[in-house]
């Protein structure tokens, strides 16, 4: 049919690793994305693996998701997960702003392992649980007031979004934005087609040999 969009049959693999303190709703965000029914029941996670095939922007993706432990006791496992990631979610809970503090350590670990070579998004979850307009603010150990969105975007230079796993707010967009960020970053780092360096060209090598 003329004008009908065709999706790519090629399945692109995309691995997302989800980090954050316990009880921030990491698993609930993932299960909401998978289409499962939300539950308030808390089950501690050691490490779980999920997969979903999606169609986004006329491309087929297999999104593989690693749901990590909320404890700080598995640094070796975190390093392995960071190496596997195409993108990372750092989740904190708006009903527990202190959970944001843990993200500083995780951000440092990611930087040590991968530098700035992959998209990282800070996720303010449980937006349905807070009515306070100052929910994005928290006090640091020295008593100063900071805005978590500002810190994530301006000081850490990371992506940021707000979600509710319970209400399904912003969950699909979160994964779509990571895919967009990943391919934008790739497009910025790959050389343009046909842009071979003249200094390394076969023609120049041939001229050098003839001049000897």
N, C-alpha and C. Protein backbone atom coordinates (compact mmCIF):
# COMPACT_ATOMS: atom_id res chain seq x y z
N UNK A 1 0.85 -1.21 0.00
CA UNK A 1 0.00 0.00 0.00
C UNK A 1 0.88 1.25 0.00
N UNK A 2 0.62 2.18 -0.91
CA UNK A 2 1.47 3.36 -1.05
C UNK A 2 1.42 4.21 0.21
N UNK A 3 2.60 4.68 0.62
CA UNK A 3 2.68 5.58 1.76
C UNK A 3 2.70 4.88 3.11
N UNK A 4 2.51 3.56 3.12
CA UNK A 4 2.49 2.84 4.40
C UNK A 4 3.91 2.66 4.91
N UNK A 5 4.12 2.96 6.20
CA UNK A 5 5.44 2.83 6.79
C UNK A 5 5.78 1.36 6.97
N UNK A 6 7.03 1.03 6.72
CA UNK A 6 7.49 -0.34 6.91
C UNK A 6 8.49 -0.38 8.04
N UNK A 7 8.33 -1.32 8.94
CA UNK A 7 9.28 -1.46 10.04
C UNK A 7 10.43 -2.34 9.61
N UNK A 8 11.59 -2.09 10.21
CA UNK A 8 12.76 -2.90 9.93
C UNK A 8 12.59 -4.28 10.55
N UNK A 9 12.88 -5.33 9.74
CA UNK A 9 12.77 -6.70 10.25
C UNK A 9 13.97 -7.06 11.11
N UNK A 10 15.03 -6.29 10.99
CA UNK A 10 16.25 -6.56 11.75
C UNK A 10 16.04 -6.20 13.22
N UNK A 11 16.35 -7.14 14.11
CA UNK A 11 16.13 -6.94 15.54
C UNK A 11 17.39 -6.37 16.17
N UNK A 12 17.28 -5.15 16.68
CA UNK A 12 18.42 -4.50 17.33
C UNK A 12 18.42 -4.82 18.82
N UNK A 13 19.56 -5.25 19.32
CA UNK A 13 19.69 -5.60 20.73
C UNK A 13 20.07 -4.35 21.53
N UNK A 14 19.41 -4.18 22.67
CA UNK A 14 19.66 -2.99 23.49
C UNK A 14 19.58 -3.39 24.96
N UNK A 15 20.69 -3.26 25.69
CA UNK A 15 20.77 -3.70 27.08
C UNK A 15 20.75 -2.51 28.03
N UNK A 16 19.79 -2.53 28.95
CA UNK A 16 19.64 -1.48 29.96
C UNK A 16 19.88 -2.08 31.34
N UNK A 17 20.76 -1.45 32.11
CA UNK A 17 21.01 -1.89 33.48
C UNK A 17 20.38 -0.86 34.42
N UNK A 18 19.66 -1.37 35.44
CA UNK A 18 18.92 -0.51 36.36
C UNK A 18 19.56 -0.59 37.75
N UNK A 19 20.05 0.55 38.22
CA UNK A 19 20.66 0.65 39.54
C UNK A 19 19.83 1.55 40.45
N UNK A 20 20.02 1.40 41.74
CA UNK A 20 19.35 2.27 42.71
C UNK A 20 19.21 1.56 44.04
N UNK A 21 18.93 2.34 45.06
CA UNK A 21 18.76 1.80 46.41
C UNK A 21 17.52 0.91 46.49
N UNK A 22 17.49 0.04 47.48
CA UNK A 22 16.33 -0.82 47.69
C UNK A 22 15.08 0.03 47.95
N UNK A 23 13.94 -0.46 47.52
CA UNK A 23 12.63 0.16 47.72
C UNK A 23 12.43 1.47 46.96
N UNK A 24 13.19 1.67 45.91
CA UNK A 24 12.97 2.86 45.07
C UNK A 24 12.01 2.57 43.92
N UNK A 25 11.64 1.29 43.74
CA UNK A 25 10.70 0.93 42.68
C UNK A 25 11.36 0.51 41.38
N UNK A 26 12.62 0.07 41.44
CA UNK A 26 13.31 -0.36 40.21
C UNK A 26 12.56 -1.50 39.53
N UNK A 27 12.28 -2.54 40.31
CA UNK A 27 11.60 -3.71 39.73
C UNK A 27 10.20 -3.37 39.24
N UNK A 28 9.52 -2.48 39.96
CA UNK A 28 8.17 -2.08 39.55
C UNK A 28 8.19 -1.33 38.23
N UNK A 29 9.19 -0.48 38.02
CA UNK A 29 9.32 0.22 36.74
C UNK A 29 9.50 -0.78 35.60
N UNK A 30 10.35 -1.76 35.83
CA UNK A 30 10.62 -2.76 34.79
C UNK A 30 9.35 -3.57 34.49
N UNK A 31 8.67 -4.02 35.53
CA UNK A 31 7.47 -4.85 35.33
C UNK A 31 6.34 -4.05 34.69
N UNK A 32 6.25 -2.76 35.00
CA UNK A 32 5.27 -1.91 34.33
C UNK A 32 5.59 -1.82 32.84
N UNK A 33 6.87 -1.65 32.51
CA UNK A 33 7.30 -1.62 31.11
C UNK A 33 6.97 -2.93 30.41
N UNK A 34 7.06 -4.04 31.12
CA UNK A 34 6.77 -5.35 30.55
C UNK A 34 5.27 -5.61 30.42
N UNK A 35 4.44 -4.72 31.02
CA UNK A 35 3.00 -4.88 30.94
C UNK A 35 2.39 -5.67 32.07
N UNK A 36 3.17 -5.90 33.13
CA UNK A 36 2.65 -6.65 34.27
C UNK A 36 1.85 -5.73 35.20
N UNK A 37 0.98 -6.33 35.99
CA UNK A 37 0.15 -5.57 36.93
C UNK A 37 0.99 -5.09 38.10
N UNK A 38 0.82 -3.82 38.46
CA UNK A 38 1.57 -3.25 39.57
C UNK A 38 1.11 -3.84 40.90
N UNK A 39 2.06 -4.07 41.79
CA UNK A 39 1.76 -4.52 43.14
C UNK A 39 2.64 -3.77 44.14
N UNK A 40 2.07 -3.47 45.32
CA UNK A 40 2.82 -2.77 46.36
C UNK A 40 3.72 -3.71 47.16
N UNK A 41 3.58 -4.99 46.92
CA UNK A 41 4.36 -5.97 47.68
C UNK A 41 5.84 -5.86 47.32
N UNK A 42 6.69 -5.79 48.34
CA UNK A 42 8.13 -5.64 48.11
C UNK A 42 8.84 -6.97 48.19
N UNK A 43 9.62 -7.27 47.16
CA UNK A 43 10.45 -8.47 47.15
C UNK A 43 11.89 -8.05 46.84
N UNK A 44 12.82 -8.31 47.78
CA UNK A 44 14.23 -7.93 47.54
C UNK A 44 14.77 -8.60 46.28
N UNK A 45 15.59 -7.86 45.55
CA UNK A 45 16.17 -8.35 44.31
C UNK A 45 17.66 -8.63 44.51
N UNK A 46 18.13 -9.79 44.07
CA UNK A 46 19.57 -10.04 44.00
C UNK A 46 20.04 -9.60 42.62
N UNK A 47 19.56 -10.25 41.59
CA UNK A 47 19.73 -9.78 40.21
C UNK A 47 18.77 -10.56 39.33
N UNK A 48 18.01 -9.84 38.55
CA UNK A 48 17.02 -10.46 37.66
C UNK A 48 17.25 -9.96 36.24
N UNK A 49 16.88 -10.81 35.28
CA UNK A 49 17.05 -10.48 33.88
C UNK A 49 15.69 -10.54 33.18
N UNK A 50 15.37 -9.50 32.41
CA UNK A 50 14.11 -9.44 31.69
C UNK A 50 14.38 -9.07 30.23
N UNK A 51 13.42 -9.38 29.37
CA UNK A 51 13.58 -9.06 27.96
C UNK A 51 12.21 -8.75 27.35
N UNK A 52 12.19 -7.75 26.47
CA UNK A 52 10.95 -7.39 25.77
C UNK A 52 11.28 -6.91 24.37
N UNK A 53 10.50 -7.35 23.40
CA UNK A 53 10.65 -6.86 22.05
C UNK A 53 9.65 -5.72 21.81
N UNK A 54 10.15 -4.62 21.27
CA UNK A 54 9.31 -3.45 21.04
C UNK A 54 9.53 -2.93 19.62
N UNK A 55 8.54 -2.21 19.13
CA UNK A 55 8.66 -1.47 17.87
C UNK A 55 8.69 0.01 18.22
N UNK A 56 9.78 0.67 17.87
CA UNK A 56 9.92 2.09 18.17
C UNK A 56 10.57 2.79 16.98
N UNK A 57 9.94 3.85 16.52
CA UNK A 57 10.42 4.60 15.36
C UNK A 57 10.69 3.68 14.17
N UNK A 58 9.74 2.76 13.94
CA UNK A 58 9.80 1.84 12.80
C UNK A 58 10.99 0.90 12.85
N UNK A 59 11.55 0.69 14.03
CA UNK A 59 12.63 -0.27 14.21
C UNK A 59 12.25 -1.26 15.30
N UNK A 60 12.67 -2.52 15.11
CA UNK A 60 12.41 -3.56 16.09
C UNK A 60 13.60 -3.69 17.04
N UNK A 61 13.30 -3.66 18.32
CA UNK A 61 14.34 -3.77 19.34
C UNK A 61 14.02 -4.92 20.29
N UNK A 62 15.07 -5.59 20.72
CA UNK A 62 14.95 -6.46 21.88
C UNK A 62 15.63 -5.73 23.03
N UNK A 63 14.82 -5.29 23.99
CA UNK A 63 15.34 -4.56 25.15
C UNK A 63 15.60 -5.57 26.26
N UNK A 64 16.86 -5.81 26.55
CA UNK A 64 17.26 -6.68 27.65
C UNK A 64 17.53 -5.82 28.87
N UNK A 65 16.92 -6.17 29.99
CA UNK A 65 16.99 -5.34 31.20
C UNK A 65 17.58 -6.14 32.35
N UNK A 66 18.61 -5.59 32.98
CA UNK A 66 19.22 -6.21 34.17
C UNK A 66 18.78 -5.41 35.39
N UNK A 67 18.01 -6.07 36.25
CA UNK A 67 17.51 -5.46 37.49
C UNK A 67 18.48 -5.83 38.61
N UNK A 68 19.19 -4.85 39.14
CA UNK A 68 20.29 -5.13 40.06
C UNK A 68 19.84 -5.07 41.52
N UNK A 69 20.70 -5.58 42.38
CA UNK A 69 20.45 -5.56 43.82
C UNK A 69 20.57 -4.14 44.36
N UNK A 70 19.70 -3.80 45.31
CA UNK A 70 19.75 -2.46 45.91
C UNK A 70 20.81 -2.30 46.96
N UNK A 71 21.50 -3.38 47.30
CA UNK A 71 22.54 -3.33 48.33
C UNK A 71 23.86 -2.84 47.75
N UNK A 72 24.73 -2.34 48.60
CA UNK A 72 26.05 -1.89 48.18
C UNK A 72 27.08 -3.02 48.23
N UNK A 73 26.66 -4.24 48.52
CA UNK A 73 27.59 -5.32 48.86
C UNK A 73 28.11 -6.12 47.68
N UNK A 74 27.79 -5.72 46.44
CA UNK A 74 28.21 -6.52 45.29
C UNK A 74 28.94 -5.67 44.25
N UNK A 75 30.07 -5.04 44.61
CA UNK A 75 30.76 -4.15 43.65
C UNK A 75 31.26 -4.87 42.41
N UNK A 76 31.72 -6.12 42.54
CA UNK A 76 32.22 -6.86 41.38
C UNK A 76 31.10 -7.13 40.39
N UNK A 77 29.93 -7.48 40.91
CA UNK A 77 28.77 -7.73 40.06
C UNK A 77 28.34 -6.45 39.35
N UNK A 78 28.41 -5.32 40.06
CA UNK A 78 28.05 -4.04 39.42
C UNK A 78 29.00 -3.71 38.28
N UNK A 79 30.29 -3.97 38.47
CA UNK A 79 31.26 -3.68 37.41
C UNK A 79 30.96 -4.50 36.15
N UNK A 80 30.62 -5.77 36.34
CA UNK A 80 30.27 -6.62 35.20
C UNK A 80 29.03 -6.08 34.49
N UNK A 81 28.02 -5.69 35.26
CA UNK A 81 26.79 -5.17 34.68
C UNK A 81 27.03 -3.87 33.91
N UNK A 82 27.87 -3.01 34.46
CA UNK A 82 28.17 -1.74 33.79
C UNK A 82 28.83 -2.00 32.44
N UNK A 83 29.70 -3.00 32.38
CA UNK A 83 30.36 -3.33 31.11
C UNK A 83 29.39 -3.88 30.08
N UNK A 84 28.31 -4.52 30.52
CA UNK A 84 27.32 -5.09 29.60
C UNK A 84 26.39 -4.03 29.02
N UNK A 85 26.28 -2.88 29.68
CA UNK A 85 25.20 -1.92 29.40
C UNK A 85 25.40 -1.15 28.11
N UNK A 86 24.28 -0.95 27.39
CA UNK A 86 24.21 0.07 26.34
C UNK A 86 23.71 1.38 26.92
N UNK A 87 22.98 1.30 28.04
CA UNK A 87 22.46 2.48 28.73
C UNK A 87 22.16 2.08 30.18
N UNK A 88 22.10 3.08 31.05
CA UNK A 88 21.90 2.81 32.48
C UNK A 88 20.83 3.74 33.04
N UNK A 89 19.98 3.17 33.91
CA UNK A 89 19.01 3.94 34.68
C UNK A 89 19.47 3.98 36.14
N UNK A 90 19.50 5.18 36.72
CA UNK A 90 19.80 5.37 38.14
C UNK A 90 18.51 5.85 38.80
N UNK A 91 17.89 4.98 39.62
CA UNK A 91 16.56 5.26 40.15
C UNK A 91 16.63 5.71 41.61
N UNK A 92 15.92 6.80 41.91
CA UNK A 92 15.70 7.18 43.30
C UNK A 92 14.21 7.43 43.50
N UNK A 93 13.80 7.49 44.76
CA UNK A 93 12.38 7.59 45.07
C UNK A 93 12.05 8.97 45.63
N UNK A 94 11.00 9.57 45.10
CA UNK A 94 10.61 10.90 45.54
C UNK A 94 10.05 10.91 46.97
N UNK A 95 9.61 9.75 47.47
CA UNK A 95 9.16 9.71 48.86
C UNK A 95 10.31 9.40 49.82
N UNK A 96 11.51 9.28 49.26
CA UNK A 96 12.72 9.09 50.07
C UNK A 96 13.88 9.78 49.36
N UNK A 97 13.93 11.11 49.44
CA UNK A 97 14.96 11.85 48.71
C UNK A 97 16.38 11.42 49.05
N UNK A 98 16.57 10.84 50.23
CA UNK A 98 17.91 10.39 50.60
C UNK A 98 18.41 9.29 49.67
N UNK A 99 17.48 8.60 49.00
CA UNK A 99 17.91 7.57 48.06
C UNK A 99 18.69 8.17 46.90
N UNK A 100 18.56 9.49 46.72
CA UNK A 100 19.32 10.18 45.68
C UNK A 100 20.81 10.19 46.01
N UNK A 101 21.14 10.22 47.30
CA UNK A 101 22.55 10.29 47.71
C UNK A 101 23.34 9.08 47.23
N UNK A 102 22.69 7.93 47.20
CA UNK A 102 23.37 6.71 46.77
C UNK A 102 23.81 6.80 45.31
N UNK A 103 23.11 7.60 44.52
CA UNK A 103 23.41 7.69 43.09
C UNK A 103 24.77 8.31 42.82
N UNK A 104 25.25 9.12 43.75
CA UNK A 104 26.57 9.74 43.57
C UNK A 104 27.65 8.66 43.46
N UNK A 105 27.60 7.69 44.35
CA UNK A 105 28.57 6.59 44.32
C UNK A 105 28.43 5.77 43.04
N UNK A 106 27.19 5.47 42.67
CA UNK A 106 26.96 4.69 41.45
C UNK A 106 27.45 5.43 40.22
N UNK A 107 27.22 6.73 40.19
CA UNK A 107 27.69 7.54 39.06
C UNK A 107 29.20 7.47 38.94
N UNK A 108 29.90 7.51 40.07
CA UNK A 108 31.36 7.43 40.06
C UNK A 108 31.83 6.07 39.56
N UNK A 109 31.16 5.01 39.96
CA UNK A 109 31.53 3.67 39.51
C UNK A 109 31.34 3.53 38.00
N UNK A 110 30.24 4.08 37.50
CA UNK A 110 29.99 4.04 36.06
C UNK A 110 31.07 4.79 35.30
N UNK A 111 31.42 5.96 35.79
CA UNK A 111 32.44 6.78 35.13
C UNK A 111 33.80 6.06 35.13
N UNK A 112 34.14 5.41 36.24
CA UNK A 112 35.41 4.69 36.32
C UNK A 112 35.48 3.54 35.32
N UNK A 113 34.35 2.88 35.10
CA UNK A 113 34.32 1.73 34.20
C UNK A 113 34.17 2.11 32.73
N UNK A 114 33.35 3.12 32.45
CA UNK A 114 32.99 3.41 31.06
C UNK A 114 33.21 4.86 30.64
N UNK A 115 33.64 5.70 31.56
CA UNK A 115 33.77 7.11 31.22
C UNK A 115 32.41 7.71 30.87
N UNK A 116 32.39 8.53 29.82
CA UNK A 116 31.12 9.13 29.38
C UNK A 116 30.62 8.46 28.10
N UNK A 117 30.92 7.17 27.96
CA UNK A 117 30.67 6.48 26.69
C UNK A 117 29.31 5.83 26.56
N UNK A 118 28.41 6.08 27.49
CA UNK A 118 27.06 5.53 27.35
C UNK A 118 26.06 6.45 28.03
N UNK A 119 24.81 6.47 27.56
CA UNK A 119 23.80 7.33 28.17
C UNK A 119 23.39 6.82 29.55
N UNK A 120 23.31 7.74 30.50
CA UNK A 120 22.86 7.43 31.86
C UNK A 120 21.71 8.37 32.19
N UNK A 121 20.61 7.80 32.66
CA UNK A 121 19.43 8.61 33.01
C UNK A 121 19.10 8.45 34.49
N UNK A 122 18.95 9.58 35.17
CA UNK A 122 18.50 9.59 36.57
C UNK A 122 16.97 9.62 36.57
N UNK A 123 16.36 8.72 37.34
CA UNK A 123 14.91 8.55 37.33
C UNK A 123 14.33 8.87 38.70
N UNK A 124 13.48 9.90 38.77
CA UNK A 124 12.76 10.24 40.00
C UNK A 124 11.44 9.47 40.00
N UNK A 125 11.40 8.36 40.73
CA UNK A 125 10.24 7.48 40.70
C UNK A 125 9.28 7.79 41.86
N UNK A 126 8.11 7.18 41.80
CA UNK A 126 7.04 7.32 42.79
C UNK A 126 6.48 8.74 42.84
N UNK A 127 6.33 9.35 41.67
CA UNK A 127 5.77 10.71 41.61
C UNK A 127 4.32 10.73 42.07
N UNK A 128 3.64 9.57 42.04
CA UNK A 128 2.26 9.50 42.51
C UNK A 128 2.16 9.62 44.03
N UNK A 129 3.26 9.38 44.73
CA UNK A 129 3.24 9.33 46.21
C UNK A 129 3.51 10.68 46.85
N UNK A 130 3.84 11.69 46.06
CA UNK A 130 4.20 13.00 46.63
C UNK A 130 3.33 14.09 46.02
N UNK A 131 2.80 14.93 46.86
CA UNK A 131 2.02 16.07 46.41
C UNK A 131 2.76 17.38 46.64
N UNK A 132 3.85 17.29 47.37
CA UNK A 132 4.64 18.46 47.72
C UNK A 132 5.38 18.99 46.50
N UNK A 133 5.22 20.26 46.24
CA UNK A 133 5.91 20.88 45.11
C UNK A 133 7.41 20.93 45.27
N UNK A 134 7.89 20.68 46.50
CA UNK A 134 9.33 20.70 46.76
C UNK A 134 9.91 19.29 46.81
N UNK A 135 9.23 18.33 46.20
CA UNK A 135 9.64 16.93 46.28
C UNK A 135 11.01 16.68 45.64
N UNK A 136 11.42 17.55 44.72
CA UNK A 136 12.71 17.37 44.07
C UNK A 136 13.86 17.92 44.90
N UNK A 137 13.55 18.52 46.03
CA UNK A 137 14.58 19.12 46.87
C UNK A 137 14.93 18.20 48.04
N UNK A 138 16.19 18.25 48.46
CA UNK A 138 16.62 17.48 49.61
C UNK A 138 17.75 18.21 50.32
N UNK A 139 17.91 17.90 51.60
CA UNK A 139 18.99 18.48 52.38
C UNK A 139 20.21 17.57 52.35
N UNK A 140 21.37 18.17 52.16
CA UNK A 140 22.62 17.41 52.19
C UNK A 140 23.10 17.28 53.63
N UNK A 141 24.20 16.56 53.81
CA UNK A 141 24.73 16.35 55.15
C UNK A 141 25.13 17.65 55.84
N UNK A 142 25.50 18.66 55.05
CA UNK A 142 25.91 19.94 55.66
C UNK A 142 24.72 20.89 55.84
N UNK A 143 23.49 20.38 55.54
CA UNK A 143 22.30 21.17 55.79
C UNK A 143 21.84 22.05 54.64
N UNK A 144 22.60 22.08 53.55
CA UNK A 144 22.21 22.90 52.41
C UNK A 144 21.13 22.19 51.59
N UNK A 145 20.31 22.99 50.89
CA UNK A 145 19.20 22.46 50.12
C UNK A 145 19.60 22.37 48.65
N UNK A 146 19.39 21.20 48.06
CA UNK A 146 19.70 21.02 46.64
C UNK A 146 18.47 20.53 45.89
N UNK A 147 18.43 20.82 44.60
CA UNK A 147 17.38 20.32 43.73
C UNK A 147 17.95 19.13 42.95
N UNK A 148 17.35 17.95 43.13
CA UNK A 148 17.92 16.73 42.55
C UNK A 148 17.92 16.76 41.02
N UNK A 149 16.90 17.35 40.42
CA UNK A 149 16.87 17.47 38.96
C UNK A 149 18.01 18.34 38.46
N UNK A 150 18.24 19.45 39.15
CA UNK A 150 19.32 20.36 38.76
C UNK A 150 20.67 19.66 38.87
N UNK A 151 20.88 18.95 39.98
CA UNK A 151 22.16 18.25 40.18
C UNK A 151 22.38 17.23 39.08
N UNK A 152 21.36 16.42 38.78
CA UNK A 152 21.50 15.37 37.77
C UNK A 152 21.82 15.95 36.40
N UNK A 153 21.10 16.99 36.00
CA UNK A 153 21.25 17.53 34.65
C UNK A 153 22.42 18.48 34.51
N UNK A 154 22.60 19.37 35.48
CA UNK A 154 23.58 20.45 35.33
C UNK A 154 24.94 20.12 35.93
N UNK A 155 24.96 19.43 37.07
CA UNK A 155 26.24 19.13 37.71
C UNK A 155 26.80 17.79 37.25
N UNK A 156 25.92 16.80 37.11
CA UNK A 156 26.39 15.48 36.66
C UNK A 156 26.35 15.34 35.16
N UNK A 157 25.62 16.22 34.47
CA UNK A 157 25.48 16.18 33.01
C UNK A 157 24.86 14.86 32.53
N UNK A 158 23.82 14.42 33.25
CA UNK A 158 23.11 13.20 32.90
C UNK A 158 21.68 13.52 32.47
N UNK A 159 21.03 12.56 31.84
CA UNK A 159 19.61 12.69 31.54
C UNK A 159 18.80 12.57 32.83
N UNK A 160 17.60 13.11 32.82
CA UNK A 160 16.74 13.04 34.02
C UNK A 160 15.29 12.91 33.57
N UNK A 161 14.51 12.14 34.32
CA UNK A 161 13.08 12.05 34.05
C UNK A 161 12.34 11.75 35.35
N UNK A 162 11.03 11.92 35.32
CA UNK A 162 10.18 11.66 36.47
C UNK A 162 9.14 10.61 36.08
N UNK A 163 8.89 9.63 36.96
CA UNK A 163 8.03 8.52 36.62
C UNK A 163 7.15 8.10 37.79
N UNK A 164 6.17 7.27 37.47
CA UNK A 164 5.41 6.54 38.48
C UNK A 164 5.13 5.15 37.91
N UNK A 165 5.76 4.14 38.53
CA UNK A 165 5.49 2.77 38.10
C UNK A 165 4.04 2.40 38.38
N UNK A 166 3.51 2.88 39.49
CA UNK A 166 2.14 2.55 39.90
C UNK A 166 1.12 3.07 38.90
N UNK A 167 1.33 4.28 38.40
CA UNK A 167 0.38 4.90 37.48
C UNK A 167 0.82 4.78 36.00
N UNK A 168 1.94 4.14 35.78
CA UNK A 168 2.50 3.98 34.42
C UNK A 168 2.85 5.31 33.78
N UNK A 169 3.21 6.28 34.59
CA UNK A 169 3.58 7.60 34.06
C UNK A 169 5.04 7.59 33.62
N UNK A 170 5.28 7.91 32.37
CA UNK A 170 6.64 8.14 31.88
C UNK A 170 7.50 6.90 31.72
N UNK A 171 6.94 5.72 31.89
CA UNK A 171 7.77 4.50 31.90
C UNK A 171 8.24 4.15 30.48
N UNK A 172 7.34 4.08 29.52
CA UNK A 172 7.75 3.77 28.14
C UNK A 172 8.66 4.86 27.59
N UNK A 173 8.31 6.11 27.86
CA UNK A 173 9.12 7.23 27.37
C UNK A 173 10.55 7.14 27.89
N UNK A 174 10.71 6.66 29.11
CA UNK A 174 12.03 6.53 29.72
C UNK A 174 12.93 5.63 28.86
N UNK A 175 12.40 4.49 28.43
CA UNK A 175 13.19 3.57 27.60
C UNK A 175 13.37 4.12 26.19
N UNK A 176 12.35 4.76 25.65
CA UNK A 176 12.48 5.35 24.32
C UNK A 176 13.56 6.45 24.32
N UNK A 177 13.57 7.26 25.36
CA UNK A 177 14.57 8.33 25.45
C UNK A 177 15.99 7.77 25.55
N UNK A 178 16.15 6.64 26.23
CA UNK A 178 17.47 6.01 26.31
C UNK A 178 17.93 5.53 24.93
N UNK A 179 17.02 4.93 24.18
CA UNK A 179 17.36 4.48 22.83
C UNK A 179 17.76 5.67 21.96
N UNK A 180 16.99 6.75 22.03
CA UNK A 180 17.31 7.96 21.26
C UNK A 180 18.69 8.48 21.64
N UNK A 181 18.97 8.54 22.94
CA UNK A 181 20.25 9.08 23.42
C UNK A 181 21.41 8.19 22.98
N UNK A 182 21.20 6.88 22.98
CA UNK A 182 22.25 5.95 22.57
C UNK A 182 22.63 6.16 21.11
N UNK A 183 21.63 6.25 20.24
CA UNK A 183 21.93 6.39 18.81
C UNK A 183 22.38 7.80 18.45
N UNK A 184 21.94 8.80 19.20
CA UNK A 184 22.47 10.14 18.99
C UNK A 184 23.95 10.20 19.35
N UNK A 185 24.30 9.57 20.46
CA UNK A 185 25.70 9.53 20.89
C UNK A 185 26.55 8.78 19.86
N UNK A 186 26.01 7.67 19.36
CA UNK A 186 26.75 6.89 18.36
C UNK A 186 26.96 7.71 17.09
N UNK A 187 25.92 8.43 16.66
CA UNK A 187 26.03 9.23 15.44
C UNK A 187 27.07 10.34 15.59
N UNK A 188 27.21 10.85 16.81
CA UNK A 188 28.17 11.92 17.05
C UNK A 188 29.60 11.43 17.11
N UNK A 189 29.80 10.14 17.41
CA UNK A 189 31.16 9.61 17.57
C UNK A 189 31.66 8.88 16.34
N UNK A 190 30.75 8.38 15.48
CA UNK A 190 31.18 7.68 14.28
C UNK A 190 31.57 8.68 13.19
N UNK A 191 32.63 8.38 12.42
CA UNK A 191 33.00 9.28 11.31
C UNK A 191 31.93 9.25 10.22
N UNK A 192 31.79 10.36 9.53
CA UNK A 192 30.81 10.44 8.45
C UNK A 192 31.20 9.50 7.32
N UNK A 193 30.19 9.02 6.57
CA UNK A 193 30.47 8.12 5.46
C UNK A 193 31.37 8.78 4.43
N UNK A 194 32.38 8.02 4.01
CA UNK A 194 33.28 8.52 2.98
C UNK A 194 34.31 9.49 3.50
N UNK A 195 34.40 9.67 4.83
CA UNK A 195 35.32 10.68 5.37
C UNK A 195 36.63 10.04 5.81
N UNK A 196 37.26 9.26 4.93
CA UNK A 196 38.54 8.66 5.25
C UNK A 196 39.60 9.74 5.33
N UNK A 197 40.49 9.60 6.27
CA UNK A 197 41.55 10.59 6.42
C UNK A 197 42.47 10.57 5.21
N UNK A 198 42.73 11.72 4.61
CA UNK A 198 43.62 11.80 3.44
C UNK A 198 45.03 11.38 3.80
N UNK A 199 45.44 11.66 5.06
CA UNK A 199 46.80 11.33 5.47
C UNK A 199 47.04 9.82 5.51
N UNK A 200 45.95 9.05 5.70
CA UNK A 200 46.11 7.61 5.76
C UNK A 200 45.66 6.91 4.49
N UNK A 201 45.51 7.64 3.42
CA UNK A 201 44.95 7.06 2.20
C UNK A 201 46.00 6.24 1.45
N UNK A 202 45.56 5.21 0.67
CA UNK A 202 46.48 4.42 -0.15
C UNK A 202 47.25 5.28 -1.15
N UNK A 203 46.61 6.35 -1.67
CA UNK A 203 47.27 7.23 -2.64
C UNK A 203 48.50 7.88 -2.03
N UNK A 204 48.36 8.39 -0.80
CA UNK A 204 49.48 9.04 -0.15
C UNK A 204 50.60 8.03 0.12
N UNK A 205 50.23 6.81 0.54
CA UNK A 205 51.24 5.78 0.79
C UNK A 205 52.02 5.47 -0.48
N UNK A 206 51.30 5.42 -1.62
CA UNK A 206 51.95 5.14 -2.90
C UNK A 206 52.91 6.26 -3.27
N UNK A 207 52.51 7.51 -3.08
CA UNK A 207 53.37 8.65 -3.39
C UNK A 207 54.62 8.64 -2.53
N UNK A 208 54.47 8.25 -1.25
CA UNK A 208 55.62 8.21 -0.36
C UNK A 208 56.65 7.16 -0.83
N UNK A 209 56.13 5.99 -1.28
CA UNK A 209 57.03 4.94 -1.75
C UNK A 209 57.80 5.39 -2.99
N UNK A 210 57.10 6.09 -3.91
CA UNK A 210 57.75 6.52 -5.16
C UNK A 210 58.78 7.60 -4.93
N UNK A 211 58.61 8.39 -3.84
CA UNK A 211 59.55 9.49 -3.60
C UNK A 211 60.83 9.03 -2.96
N UNK A 212 60.88 7.76 -2.50
CA UNK A 212 62.08 7.27 -1.81
C UNK A 212 63.15 6.88 -2.85
